[in-house]
Amino acid sequence: MADSAGIRIVLIITAILVSSCTIAPPERSPPRTYMLNPEISLDALSANPVSGNATILLVNPPRALAGFDTSQMVYLRRPHEVSYYAANQWVDTPGRMLSSLLVQAMRSTGLWRAVVQAPSAVRADYLLDCDNLVLEQQFFSQPSRVRLALRAQIVETKNHAILGTRYFEIFEAATSDDAYGGVVAANRATAQLLGEMADWLKTIVRSKT
């Protein structure tokens, strides 16, 4: 009898412990949120601007490839297999973050009288359209690296003439093999991308003046 009473007590205590573990909410760390806000050399962007230019540039938000139009941070451990960080994310999608940065960078070049972000009712002379945007952290080698890529096209809106198309692809080594290392590398890659796009557009606009 004593043994059965002891067994019952043990079973009751076990049930209480299991119940308390089930009721208690799991502990979860809040997601970390990051921005694309690279350090851009405005002096370098505005070097040798086109003087007397009264044209207006309209910038379309870059369109991302499928799987990349998300605020989730993308990483790849092997080619073609897309994964997402669980507790780390961007403050917005890469396309929307890059859109405002493109406007800021293009305004700094001095190539246009005004640079506006689409959608806008302003009648623009040129349209900057970007697609195939990819922002990912690759773990194929040590250290990991960030790949930032997109295709850009500049169009003269009056006659819908495509003045130039270029594919940009930038790789930047991560400072550490984690999400924050990828964020730092992504910001450096973005700064390089904006500089290369500014130089490319200067060449095209100068050829029109």
N, C-alpha and C. Protein backbone atom coordinates (compact mmCIF):
# COMPACT_ATOMS: atom_id res chain seq x y z
N MET A 1 0.84 -1.21 0.00
CA MET A 1 0.00 0.00 0.00
C MET A 1 0.87 1.25 0.00
N ALA A 2 1.91 1.21 0.81
CA ALA A 2 2.79 2.37 0.90
C ALA A 2 3.44 2.64 -0.45
N ASP A 3 3.82 1.50 -1.14
CA ASP A 3 4.47 1.68 -2.44
C ASP A 3 3.49 2.30 -3.45
N SER A 4 2.21 1.83 -3.46
CA SER A 4 1.25 2.41 -4.41
C SER A 4 0.99 3.87 -4.11
N ALA A 5 0.93 4.26 -2.83
CA ALA A 5 0.71 5.66 -2.47
C ALA A 5 1.88 6.50 -2.94
N GLY A 6 3.10 5.95 -2.78
CA GLY A 6 4.27 6.70 -3.24
C GLY A 6 4.27 6.89 -4.74
N ILE A 7 3.85 5.83 -5.46
CA ILE A 7 3.80 5.92 -6.93
C ILE A 7 2.79 6.99 -7.36
N ARG A 8 1.62 7.00 -6.63
CA ARG A 8 0.60 8.00 -6.97
C ARG A 8 1.12 9.41 -6.75
N ILE A 9 1.85 9.61 -5.68
CA ILE A 9 2.42 10.95 -5.39
C ILE A 9 3.39 11.36 -6.49
N VAL A 10 4.25 10.42 -6.90
CA VAL A 10 5.22 10.72 -7.96
C VAL A 10 4.50 11.08 -9.26
N LEU A 11 3.42 10.32 -9.59
CA LEU A 11 2.67 10.58 -10.81
C LEU A 11 2.00 11.95 -10.77
N ILE A 12 1.46 12.31 -9.60
CA ILE A 12 0.81 13.61 -9.45
C ILE A 12 1.82 14.75 -9.64
N ILE A 13 2.98 14.61 -9.00
CA ILE A 13 4.02 15.65 -9.11
C ILE A 13 4.48 15.78 -10.56
N THR A 14 4.65 14.62 -11.22
CA THR A 14 5.08 14.64 -12.62
C THR A 14 4.05 15.35 -13.50
N ALA A 15 2.77 15.06 -13.25
CA ALA A 15 1.70 15.68 -14.04
C ALA A 15 1.69 17.19 -13.85
N ILE A 16 1.92 17.62 -12.61
CA ILE A 16 1.95 19.06 -12.33
C ILE A 16 3.10 19.73 -13.07
N LEU A 17 4.27 19.09 -13.03
CA LEU A 17 5.44 19.67 -13.70
C LEU A 17 5.23 19.74 -15.20
N VAL A 18 4.68 18.67 -15.77
CA VAL A 18 4.43 18.66 -17.22
C VAL A 18 3.42 19.73 -17.58
N SER A 19 2.38 19.87 -16.77
CA SER A 19 1.35 20.86 -17.03
C SER A 19 1.91 22.27 -16.98
N SER A 20 2.77 22.55 -15.98
CA SER A 20 3.35 23.89 -15.86
C SER A 20 4.26 24.20 -17.02
N CYS A 21 4.98 23.19 -17.53
CA CYS A 21 5.85 23.41 -18.68
C CYS A 21 5.04 23.69 -19.93
N THR A 22 3.87 23.05 -20.04
CA THR A 22 3.04 23.24 -21.22
C THR A 22 2.39 24.61 -21.22
N ILE A 23 1.96 25.07 -20.06
CA ILE A 23 1.27 26.35 -19.95
C ILE A 23 2.23 27.51 -20.15
N ALA A 24 3.46 27.41 -19.66
CA ALA A 24 4.40 28.52 -19.73
C ALA A 24 4.73 28.84 -21.18
N PRO A 25 4.69 30.14 -21.60
CA PRO A 25 4.98 30.52 -22.98
C PRO A 25 6.46 30.31 -23.28
N PRO A 26 6.79 29.87 -24.51
CA PRO A 26 8.19 29.70 -24.86
C PRO A 26 8.90 31.03 -24.93
N GLU A 27 10.16 31.03 -24.53
CA GLU A 27 10.95 32.26 -24.58
C GLU A 27 11.49 32.45 -26.00
N ARG A 28 11.22 33.61 -26.56
CA ARG A 28 11.67 33.92 -27.91
C ARG A 28 12.35 35.29 -27.91
N SER A 29 13.51 35.35 -28.52
CA SER A 29 14.20 36.63 -28.62
C SER A 29 13.56 37.44 -29.74
N PRO A 30 13.35 38.75 -29.54
CA PRO A 30 12.74 39.57 -30.59
C PRO A 30 13.64 39.63 -31.81
N PRO A 31 13.06 39.73 -33.01
CA PRO A 31 13.90 39.79 -34.21
C PRO A 31 14.71 41.08 -34.26
N ARG A 32 15.91 40.97 -34.76
CA ARG A 32 16.77 42.14 -34.95
C ARG A 32 16.47 42.71 -36.33
N THR A 33 16.35 44.03 -36.40
CA THR A 33 15.97 44.69 -37.65
C THR A 33 17.09 45.62 -38.08
N TYR A 34 17.43 45.56 -39.38
CA TYR A 34 18.57 46.31 -39.90
C TYR A 34 18.15 47.18 -41.08
N MET A 35 18.98 48.20 -41.36
CA MET A 35 18.71 49.14 -42.44
C MET A 35 19.84 49.10 -43.46
N LEU A 36 19.49 49.48 -44.67
CA LEU A 36 20.49 49.84 -45.67
C LEU A 36 20.66 51.35 -45.60
N ASN A 37 21.73 51.80 -45.00
CA ASN A 37 22.04 53.23 -44.92
C ASN A 37 23.54 53.43 -45.09
N PRO A 38 24.05 53.14 -46.30
CA PRO A 38 25.50 53.17 -46.52
C PRO A 38 26.07 54.57 -46.45
N GLU A 39 27.36 54.63 -46.14
CA GLU A 39 28.08 55.90 -46.19
C GLU A 39 28.42 56.18 -47.65
N ILE A 40 27.83 57.24 -48.19
CA ILE A 40 28.02 57.59 -49.59
C ILE A 40 28.83 58.87 -49.68
N SER A 41 29.86 58.86 -50.51
CA SER A 41 30.67 60.06 -50.73
C SER A 41 29.94 60.97 -51.71
N LEU A 42 29.26 61.98 -51.18
CA LEU A 42 28.49 62.88 -52.04
C LEU A 42 29.42 63.70 -52.94
N ASP A 43 30.62 64.01 -52.45
CA ASP A 43 31.57 64.75 -53.28
C ASP A 43 31.95 63.94 -54.52
N ALA A 44 32.15 62.63 -54.33
CA ALA A 44 32.51 61.79 -55.47
C ALA A 44 31.36 61.68 -56.46
N LEU A 45 30.13 61.61 -55.95
CA LEU A 45 28.97 61.50 -56.84
C LEU A 45 28.77 62.76 -57.66
N SER A 46 29.06 63.92 -57.07
CA SER A 46 28.79 65.19 -57.75
C SER A 46 29.99 65.71 -58.52
N ALA A 47 31.06 64.95 -58.62
CA ALA A 47 32.23 65.41 -59.35
C ALA A 47 31.90 65.62 -60.83
N ASN A 48 32.29 66.79 -61.35
CA ASN A 48 32.08 67.14 -62.75
C ASN A 48 30.62 66.98 -63.20
N PRO A 49 29.68 67.64 -62.53
CA PRO A 49 28.28 67.51 -62.95
C PRO A 49 28.05 68.18 -64.28
N VAL A 50 26.94 67.84 -64.91
CA VAL A 50 26.57 68.48 -66.16
C VAL A 50 25.94 69.83 -65.84
N SER A 51 26.55 70.90 -66.32
CA SER A 51 26.07 72.24 -65.98
C SER A 51 24.90 72.64 -66.88
N GLY A 52 23.97 73.41 -66.31
CA GLY A 52 22.87 73.93 -67.08
C GLY A 52 21.83 72.91 -67.49
N ASN A 53 21.83 71.76 -66.86
CA ASN A 53 20.87 70.71 -67.24
C ASN A 53 19.54 70.98 -66.54
N ALA A 54 18.45 71.06 -67.32
CA ALA A 54 17.14 71.38 -66.76
C ALA A 54 16.20 70.19 -66.84
N THR A 55 16.74 68.99 -66.96
CA THR A 55 15.89 67.81 -67.12
C THR A 55 15.51 67.22 -65.77
N ILE A 56 14.49 66.36 -65.81
CA ILE A 56 13.98 65.72 -64.60
C ILE A 56 14.08 64.21 -64.76
N LEU A 57 14.54 63.55 -63.71
CA LEU A 57 14.67 62.09 -63.70
C LEU A 57 13.61 61.49 -62.78
N LEU A 58 12.92 60.48 -63.28
CA LEU A 58 11.97 59.71 -62.47
C LEU A 58 12.58 58.35 -62.17
N VAL A 59 12.59 57.96 -60.90
CA VAL A 59 13.19 56.71 -60.47
C VAL A 59 12.10 55.72 -60.07
N ASN A 60 12.00 54.63 -60.79
CA ASN A 60 11.07 53.56 -60.42
C ASN A 60 11.67 52.72 -59.29
N PRO A 61 10.87 52.26 -58.33
CA PRO A 61 11.39 51.36 -57.30
C PRO A 61 11.93 50.08 -57.95
N PRO A 62 13.13 49.65 -57.60
CA PRO A 62 13.68 48.42 -58.19
C PRO A 62 12.79 47.21 -57.89
N ARG A 63 12.62 46.36 -58.88
CA ARG A 63 11.80 45.15 -58.73
C ARG A 63 12.73 43.96 -58.49
N ALA A 64 12.43 43.20 -57.45
CA ALA A 64 13.28 42.08 -57.05
C ALA A 64 12.85 40.80 -57.75
N LEU A 65 13.80 39.88 -57.84
CA LEU A 65 13.48 38.55 -58.34
C LEU A 65 12.57 37.83 -57.34
N ALA A 66 11.86 36.81 -57.81
CA ALA A 66 11.01 36.02 -56.92
C ALA A 66 11.82 35.44 -55.78
N GLY A 67 11.29 35.57 -54.57
CA GLY A 67 11.99 35.07 -53.38
C GLY A 67 12.82 36.14 -52.68
N PHE A 68 13.02 37.29 -53.35
CA PHE A 68 13.84 38.35 -52.77
C PHE A 68 13.03 39.62 -52.49
N ASP A 69 11.75 39.62 -52.83
CA ASP A 69 10.89 40.77 -52.56
C ASP A 69 10.27 40.62 -51.17
N THR A 70 11.13 40.62 -50.17
CA THR A 70 10.72 40.39 -48.79
C THR A 70 11.68 41.08 -47.85
N SER A 71 11.19 41.42 -46.66
CA SER A 71 12.07 42.01 -45.65
C SER A 71 12.89 40.95 -44.93
N GLN A 72 12.60 39.67 -45.17
CA GLN A 72 13.42 38.61 -44.60
C GLN A 72 14.81 38.64 -45.23
N MET A 73 15.82 38.37 -44.43
CA MET A 73 17.19 38.38 -44.92
C MET A 73 17.52 37.02 -45.54
N VAL A 74 17.99 37.06 -46.77
CA VAL A 74 18.21 35.84 -47.54
C VAL A 74 19.67 35.40 -47.41
N TYR A 75 19.84 34.09 -47.23
CA TYR A 75 21.20 33.52 -47.28
C TYR A 75 21.16 32.20 -48.03
N LEU A 76 22.31 31.81 -48.58
CA LEU A 76 22.44 30.56 -49.33
C LEU A 76 23.63 29.78 -48.77
N ARG A 77 23.39 28.52 -48.44
CA ARG A 77 24.49 27.64 -48.04
C ARG A 77 25.01 26.83 -49.22
N ARG A 78 24.20 26.70 -50.26
CA ARG A 78 24.61 26.08 -51.50
C ARG A 78 23.82 26.71 -52.63
N PRO A 79 24.34 26.67 -53.85
CA PRO A 79 23.67 27.34 -54.96
C PRO A 79 22.23 26.89 -55.14
N HIS A 80 21.38 27.86 -55.47
CA HIS A 80 19.98 27.63 -55.85
C HIS A 80 19.06 27.33 -54.67
N GLU A 81 19.58 27.24 -53.47
CA GLU A 81 18.73 26.93 -52.30
C GLU A 81 18.64 28.15 -51.41
N VAL A 82 17.48 28.81 -51.44
CA VAL A 82 17.28 30.06 -50.70
C VAL A 82 16.77 29.76 -49.29
N SER A 83 17.42 30.39 -48.30
CA SER A 83 16.99 30.28 -46.90
C SER A 83 16.85 31.68 -46.32
N TYR A 84 16.16 31.78 -45.19
CA TYR A 84 15.90 33.07 -44.58
C TYR A 84 16.29 33.01 -43.10
N TYR A 85 16.96 34.07 -42.63
CA TYR A 85 17.25 34.16 -41.20
C TYR A 85 15.93 34.22 -40.42
N ALA A 86 15.90 33.53 -39.28
CA ALA A 86 14.67 33.47 -38.48
C ALA A 86 14.52 34.68 -37.58
N ALA A 87 15.61 35.17 -37.01
CA ALA A 87 15.53 36.23 -36.00
C ALA A 87 16.22 37.51 -36.46
N ASN A 88 16.43 37.66 -37.78
CA ASN A 88 17.05 38.87 -38.32
C ASN A 88 16.30 39.26 -39.59
N GLN A 89 16.05 40.56 -39.74
CA GLN A 89 15.27 41.01 -40.88
C GLN A 89 15.66 42.43 -41.25
N TRP A 90 15.33 42.82 -42.50
CA TRP A 90 15.49 44.20 -42.94
C TRP A 90 14.30 45.03 -42.46
N VAL A 91 14.49 46.32 -42.37
CA VAL A 91 13.39 47.21 -41.96
C VAL A 91 12.34 47.30 -43.06
N ASP A 92 12.71 47.00 -44.29
CA ASP A 92 11.79 47.01 -45.42
C ASP A 92 12.35 46.08 -46.49
N THR A 93 11.65 45.92 -47.60
CA THR A 93 12.18 45.09 -48.68
C THR A 93 13.40 45.77 -49.29
N PRO A 94 14.34 45.01 -49.83
CA PRO A 94 15.51 45.62 -50.47
C PRO A 94 15.13 46.60 -51.58
N GLY A 95 14.07 46.30 -52.34
CA GLY A 95 13.66 47.20 -53.41
C GLY A 95 13.25 48.57 -52.90
N ARG A 96 12.45 48.61 -51.84
CA ARG A 96 12.00 49.89 -51.30
C ARG A 96 13.13 50.63 -50.60
N MET A 97 14.00 49.91 -49.90
CA MET A 97 15.14 50.58 -49.27
C MET A 97 16.06 51.18 -50.32
N LEU A 98 16.32 50.43 -51.38
CA LEU A 98 17.23 50.90 -52.42
C LEU A 98 16.62 52.05 -53.22
N SER A 99 15.31 52.09 -53.34
CA SER A 99 14.64 53.13 -54.11
C SER A 99 14.97 54.52 -53.57
N SER A 100 14.82 54.70 -52.27
CA SER A 100 15.10 56.02 -51.68
C SER A 100 16.58 56.36 -51.75
N LEU A 101 17.44 55.34 -51.66
CA LEU A 101 18.88 55.58 -51.77
C LEU A 101 19.27 56.00 -53.18
N LEU A 102 18.61 55.40 -54.18
CA LEU A 102 18.87 55.79 -55.57
C LEU A 102 18.48 57.25 -55.80
N VAL A 103 17.35 57.65 -55.29
CA VAL A 103 16.91 59.04 -55.44
C VAL A 103 17.91 59.98 -54.79
N GLN A 104 18.33 59.66 -53.57
CA GLN A 104 19.30 60.49 -52.87
C GLN A 104 20.61 60.59 -53.64
N ALA A 105 21.09 59.46 -54.14
CA ALA A 105 22.36 59.44 -54.86
C ALA A 105 22.27 60.20 -56.17
N MET A 106 21.18 60.01 -56.92
CA MET A 106 21.04 60.70 -58.20
C MET A 106 20.88 62.20 -58.03
N ARG A 107 20.24 62.63 -56.96
CA ARG A 107 20.14 64.07 -56.69
C ARG A 107 21.52 64.67 -56.45
N SER A 108 22.40 63.88 -55.88
CA SER A 108 23.73 64.39 -55.53
C SER A 108 24.66 64.50 -56.73
N THR A 109 24.29 63.91 -57.85
CA THR A 109 25.18 63.94 -59.01
C THR A 109 25.19 65.28 -59.73
N GLY A 110 24.10 66.05 -59.61
CA GLY A 110 24.00 67.30 -60.34
C GLY A 110 23.66 67.10 -61.81
N LEU A 111 23.26 65.90 -62.19
CA LEU A 111 22.95 65.61 -63.58
C LEU A 111 21.59 66.14 -64.00
N TRP A 112 20.67 66.30 -63.02
CA TRP A 112 19.30 66.69 -63.33
C TRP A 112 18.87 67.85 -62.45
N ARG A 113 17.90 68.59 -62.97
CA ARG A 113 17.34 69.69 -62.17
C ARG A 113 16.58 69.15 -60.98
N ALA A 114 15.93 67.99 -61.18
CA ALA A 114 15.18 67.36 -60.09
C ALA A 114 15.17 65.86 -60.30
N VAL A 115 15.12 65.15 -59.19
CA VAL A 115 15.00 63.69 -59.20
C VAL A 115 13.81 63.34 -58.32
N VAL A 116 12.83 62.63 -58.89
CA VAL A 116 11.62 62.29 -58.14
C VAL A 116 11.44 60.78 -58.13
N GLN A 117 10.77 60.33 -57.10
CA GLN A 117 10.53 58.90 -56.92
C GLN A 117 9.14 58.52 -57.38
N ALA A 118 9.03 57.49 -58.19
CA ALA A 118 7.73 57.01 -58.65
C ALA A 118 6.99 56.32 -57.50
N PRO A 119 5.65 56.41 -57.52
CA PRO A 119 4.80 57.10 -58.50
C PRO A 119 4.78 58.60 -58.27
N SER A 120 4.70 59.36 -59.36
CA SER A 120 4.68 60.82 -59.28
C SER A 120 3.96 61.37 -60.50
N ALA A 121 3.28 62.50 -60.32
CA ALA A 121 2.58 63.16 -61.42
C ALA A 121 3.51 64.07 -62.21
N VAL A 122 4.74 64.20 -61.78
CA VAL A 122 5.70 65.07 -62.46
C VAL A 122 6.05 64.48 -63.82
N ARG A 123 6.09 65.33 -64.83
CA ARG A 123 6.47 64.88 -66.18
C ARG A 123 8.00 64.87 -66.27
N ALA A 124 8.54 63.68 -66.33
CA ALA A 124 10.00 63.53 -66.32
C ALA A 124 10.54 63.40 -67.73
N ASP A 125 11.80 63.78 -67.88
CA ASP A 125 12.49 63.65 -69.16
C ASP A 125 13.18 62.30 -69.30
N TYR A 126 13.60 61.76 -68.16
CA TYR A 126 14.28 60.47 -68.15
C TYR A 126 13.64 59.57 -67.10
N LEU A 127 13.72 58.27 -67.36
CA LEU A 127 13.21 57.27 -66.42
C LEU A 127 14.32 56.27 -66.11
N LEU A 128 14.58 56.06 -64.83
CA LEU A 128 15.54 55.03 -64.41
C LEU A 128 14.74 53.84 -63.89
N ASP A 129 14.88 52.72 -64.58
CA ASP A 129 14.10 51.52 -64.26
C ASP A 129 15.07 50.39 -63.92
N CYS A 130 14.84 49.73 -62.79
CA CYS A 130 15.73 48.65 -62.34
C CYS A 130 14.91 47.40 -62.01
N ASP A 131 15.43 46.24 -62.38
CA ASP A 131 14.77 44.99 -62.05
C ASP A 131 15.82 43.91 -61.79
N ASN A 132 15.33 42.69 -61.59
CA ASN A 132 16.20 41.54 -61.29
C ASN A 132 17.07 41.77 -60.06
N LEU A 133 16.53 42.50 -59.08
CA LEU A 133 17.28 42.81 -57.87
C LEU A 133 17.46 41.56 -57.01
N VAL A 134 18.70 41.34 -56.57
CA VAL A 134 19.04 40.24 -55.67
C VAL A 134 19.94 40.78 -54.56
N LEU A 135 19.60 40.46 -53.32
CA LEU A 135 20.46 40.77 -52.18
C LEU A 135 20.52 39.53 -51.31
N GLU A 136 21.69 38.90 -51.26
CA GLU A 136 21.82 37.63 -50.54
C GLU A 136 23.19 37.50 -49.92
N GLN A 137 23.27 36.70 -48.86
CA GLN A 137 24.54 36.37 -48.22
C GLN A 137 24.87 34.93 -48.56
N GLN A 138 26.04 34.72 -49.15
CA GLN A 138 26.45 33.40 -49.61
C GLN A 138 27.48 32.80 -48.66
N PHE A 139 27.25 31.54 -48.29
CA PHE A 139 28.16 30.82 -47.41
C PHE A 139 28.87 29.71 -48.17
N PHE A 140 29.24 29.99 -49.43
CA PHE A 140 29.95 29.00 -50.23
C PHE A 140 31.43 28.94 -49.88
N SER A 141 31.95 29.98 -49.27
CA SER A 141 33.39 30.05 -48.96
C SER A 141 33.57 30.80 -47.66
N GLN A 142 34.79 30.82 -47.17
CA GLN A 142 35.12 31.54 -45.94
C GLN A 142 36.05 32.71 -46.28
N PRO A 143 35.71 33.93 -45.86
CA PRO A 143 34.46 34.28 -45.17
C PRO A 143 33.28 34.28 -46.12
N SER A 144 32.08 34.38 -45.55
CA SER A 144 30.90 34.48 -46.40
C SER A 144 30.94 35.82 -47.14
N ARG A 145 30.11 35.96 -48.16
CA ARG A 145 30.09 37.21 -48.91
C ARG A 145 28.66 37.56 -49.29
N VAL A 146 28.46 38.84 -49.53
CA VAL A 146 27.15 39.34 -49.95
C VAL A 146 27.18 39.61 -51.44
N ARG A 147 26.13 39.21 -52.11
CA ARG A 147 25.95 39.50 -53.54
C ARG A 147 24.78 40.45 -53.70
N LEU A 148 25.05 41.59 -54.34
CA LEU A 148 24.03 42.57 -54.67
C LEU A 148 24.03 42.75 -56.18
N ALA A 149 22.91 42.51 -56.82
CA ALA A 149 22.86 42.56 -58.28
C ALA A 149 21.53 43.13 -58.74
N LEU A 150 21.55 43.83 -59.87
CA LEU A 150 20.34 44.31 -60.52
C LEU A 150 20.66 44.72 -61.95
N ARG A 151 19.60 44.86 -62.73
CA ARG A 151 19.72 45.38 -64.09
C ARG A 151 19.10 46.76 -64.12
N ALA A 152 19.83 47.73 -64.69
CA ALA A 152 19.34 49.11 -64.78
C ALA A 152 19.15 49.52 -66.22
N GLN A 153 18.14 50.36 -66.45
CA GLN A 153 17.85 50.85 -67.79
C GLN A 153 17.45 52.32 -67.69
N ILE A 154 18.05 53.15 -68.52
CA ILE A 154 17.71 54.57 -68.56
C ILE A 154 16.97 54.85 -69.86
N VAL A 155 15.81 55.50 -69.75
CA VAL A 155 14.92 55.71 -70.89
C VAL A 155 14.64 57.20 -71.03
N GLU A 156 14.70 57.70 -72.27
CA GLU A 156 14.26 59.06 -72.57
C GLU A 156 12.75 59.00 -72.82
N THR A 157 11.98 59.64 -71.96
CA THR A 157 10.53 59.44 -71.97
C THR A 157 9.84 60.06 -73.17
N LYS A 158 10.42 61.12 -73.75
CA LYS A 158 9.75 61.82 -74.85
C LYS A 158 9.50 60.90 -76.03
N ASN A 159 10.49 60.10 -76.37
CA ASN A 159 10.33 59.19 -77.51
C ASN A 159 10.47 57.72 -77.11
N HIS A 160 10.48 57.46 -75.78
CA HIS A 160 10.57 56.09 -75.25
C HIS A 160 11.83 55.38 -75.75
N ALA A 161 12.88 56.14 -75.93
CA ALA A 161 14.14 55.56 -76.41
C ALA A 161 14.97 55.05 -75.25
N ILE A 162 15.43 53.81 -75.35
CA ILE A 162 16.33 53.25 -74.33
C ILE A 162 17.74 53.74 -74.61
N LEU A 163 18.28 54.55 -73.71
CA LEU A 163 19.60 55.13 -73.91
C LEU A 163 20.71 54.20 -73.43
N GLY A 164 20.39 53.31 -72.53
CA GLY A 164 21.42 52.39 -72.03
C GLY A 164 20.84 51.36 -71.08
N THR A 165 21.43 50.19 -71.10
CA THR A 165 21.06 49.10 -70.19
C THR A 165 22.35 48.49 -69.66
N ARG A 166 22.39 48.22 -68.36
CA ARG A 166 23.59 47.63 -67.79
C ARG A 166 23.21 46.73 -66.61
N TYR A 167 23.93 45.62 -66.50
CA TYR A 167 23.75 44.70 -65.38
C TYR A 167 24.87 44.94 -64.38
N PHE A 168 24.50 45.20 -63.14
CA PHE A 168 25.46 45.44 -62.06
C PHE A 168 25.47 44.23 -61.13
N GLU A 169 26.65 43.79 -60.76
CA GLU A 169 26.78 42.68 -59.81
C GLU A 169 28.00 42.94 -58.94
N ILE A 170 27.77 43.02 -57.64
CA ILE A 170 28.82 43.37 -56.69
C ILE A 170 28.89 42.30 -55.61
N PHE A 171 30.11 41.87 -55.30
CA PHE A 171 30.36 40.92 -54.21
C PHE A 171 31.18 41.63 -53.14
N GLU A 172 30.80 41.44 -51.90
CA GLU A 172 31.50 42.07 -50.78
C GLU A 172 31.66 41.05 -49.66
N ALA A 173 32.90 40.85 -49.21
CA ALA A 173 33.16 39.89 -48.13
C ALA A 173 32.54 40.37 -46.83
N ALA A 174 31.96 39.44 -46.08
CA ALA A 174 31.33 39.76 -44.80
C ALA A 174 32.39 39.88 -43.72
N THR A 175 32.15 40.77 -42.77
CA THR A 175 33.08 40.94 -41.66
C THR A 175 32.99 39.80 -40.66
N SER A 176 31.87 39.10 -40.65
CA SER A 176 31.68 37.93 -39.79
C SER A 176 30.63 37.04 -40.43
N ASP A 177 30.69 35.75 -40.12
CA ASP A 177 29.78 34.80 -40.75
C ASP A 177 28.47 34.70 -39.99
N ASP A 178 27.78 35.83 -39.92
CA ASP A 178 26.46 35.87 -39.29
C ASP A 178 25.66 36.96 -39.97
N ALA A 179 24.44 37.18 -39.49
CA ALA A 179 23.55 38.15 -40.13
C ALA A 179 24.13 39.56 -40.10
N TYR A 180 24.71 39.96 -38.97
CA TYR A 180 25.22 41.34 -38.88
C TYR A 180 26.42 41.54 -39.80
N GLY A 181 27.26 40.51 -39.94
CA GLY A 181 28.35 40.61 -40.90
C GLY A 181 27.82 40.81 -42.30
N GLY A 182 26.70 40.16 -42.62
CA GLY A 182 26.08 40.35 -43.92
C GLY A 182 25.51 41.74 -44.09
N VAL A 183 24.98 42.32 -43.02
CA VAL A 183 24.42 43.67 -43.08
C VAL A 183 25.52 44.69 -43.39
N VAL A 184 26.65 44.57 -42.70
CA VAL A 184 27.77 45.49 -42.95
C VAL A 184 28.24 45.37 -44.40
N ALA A 185 28.37 44.14 -44.88
CA ALA A 185 28.81 43.91 -46.25
C ALA A 185 27.77 44.44 -47.25
N ALA A 186 26.49 44.28 -46.94
CA ALA A 186 25.44 44.77 -47.84
C ALA A 186 25.47 46.29 -47.96
N ASN A 187 25.76 46.97 -46.88
CA ASN A 187 25.85 48.42 -46.93
C ASN A 187 27.05 48.88 -47.75
N ARG A 188 28.17 48.19 -47.62
CA ARG A 188 29.34 48.53 -48.44
C ARG A 188 29.05 48.26 -49.91
N ALA A 189 28.39 47.13 -50.21
CA ALA A 189 28.06 46.80 -51.59
C ALA A 189 27.09 47.83 -52.17
N THR A 190 26.15 48.31 -51.37
CA THR A 190 25.19 49.31 -51.84
C THR A 190 25.89 50.62 -52.18
N ALA A 191 26.83 51.04 -51.34
CA ALA A 191 27.58 52.25 -51.63
C ALA A 191 28.34 52.13 -52.94
N GLN A 192 28.94 50.96 -53.18
CA GLN A 192 29.66 50.75 -54.43
C GLN A 192 28.71 50.75 -55.62
N LEU A 193 27.56 50.13 -55.46
CA LEU A 193 26.57 50.09 -56.54
C LEU A 193 26.13 51.50 -56.92
N LEU A 194 25.82 52.33 -55.94
CA LEU A 194 25.35 53.68 -56.22
C LEU A 194 26.42 54.49 -56.94
N GLY A 195 27.67 54.31 -56.54
CA GLY A 195 28.76 55.01 -57.21
C GLY A 195 28.92 54.58 -58.66
N GLU A 196 28.84 53.28 -58.91
CA GLU A 196 28.98 52.77 -60.28
C GLU A 196 27.81 53.21 -61.15
N MET A 197 26.61 53.23 -60.59
CA MET A 197 25.46 53.67 -61.36
C MET A 197 25.56 55.15 -61.70
N ALA A 198 26.05 55.96 -60.75
CA ALA A 198 26.20 57.39 -61.00
C ALA A 198 27.20 57.63 -62.13
N ASP A 199 28.32 56.92 -62.12
CA ASP A 199 29.32 57.07 -63.18
C ASP A 199 28.75 56.66 -64.54
N TRP A 200 28.00 55.58 -64.55
CA TRP A 200 27.40 55.09 -65.80
C TRP A 200 26.42 56.10 -66.37
N LEU A 201 25.57 56.67 -65.50
CA LEU A 201 24.58 57.63 -65.97
C LEU A 201 25.23 58.94 -66.40
N LYS A 202 26.31 59.34 -65.74
CA LYS A 202 27.02 60.54 -66.18
C LYS A 202 27.49 60.40 -67.61
N THR A 203 28.04 59.26 -67.93
CA THR A 203 28.53 59.02 -69.30
C THR A 203 27.38 59.13 -70.31
N ILE A 204 26.23 58.56 -69.97
CA ILE A 204 25.10 58.57 -70.89
C ILE A 204 24.52 59.98 -71.05
N VAL A 205 24.34 60.68 -69.93
CA VAL A 205 23.73 62.01 -69.99
C VAL A 205 24.65 62.99 -70.70
N ARG A 206 25.95 62.89 -70.46
CA ARG A 206 26.88 63.78 -71.13
C ARG A 206 26.86 63.59 -72.65
N SER A 207 26.63 62.36 -73.06
CA SER A 207 26.58 62.11 -74.50
C SER A 207 25.36 62.74 -75.17
N LYS A 208 24.35 63.13 -74.34
CA LYS A 208 23.13 63.74 -74.86
C LYS A 208 23.21 65.25 -74.86
N THR A 209 24.23 65.81 -74.20
CA THR A 209 24.31 67.28 -74.06
C THR A 209 25.37 67.83 -75.00
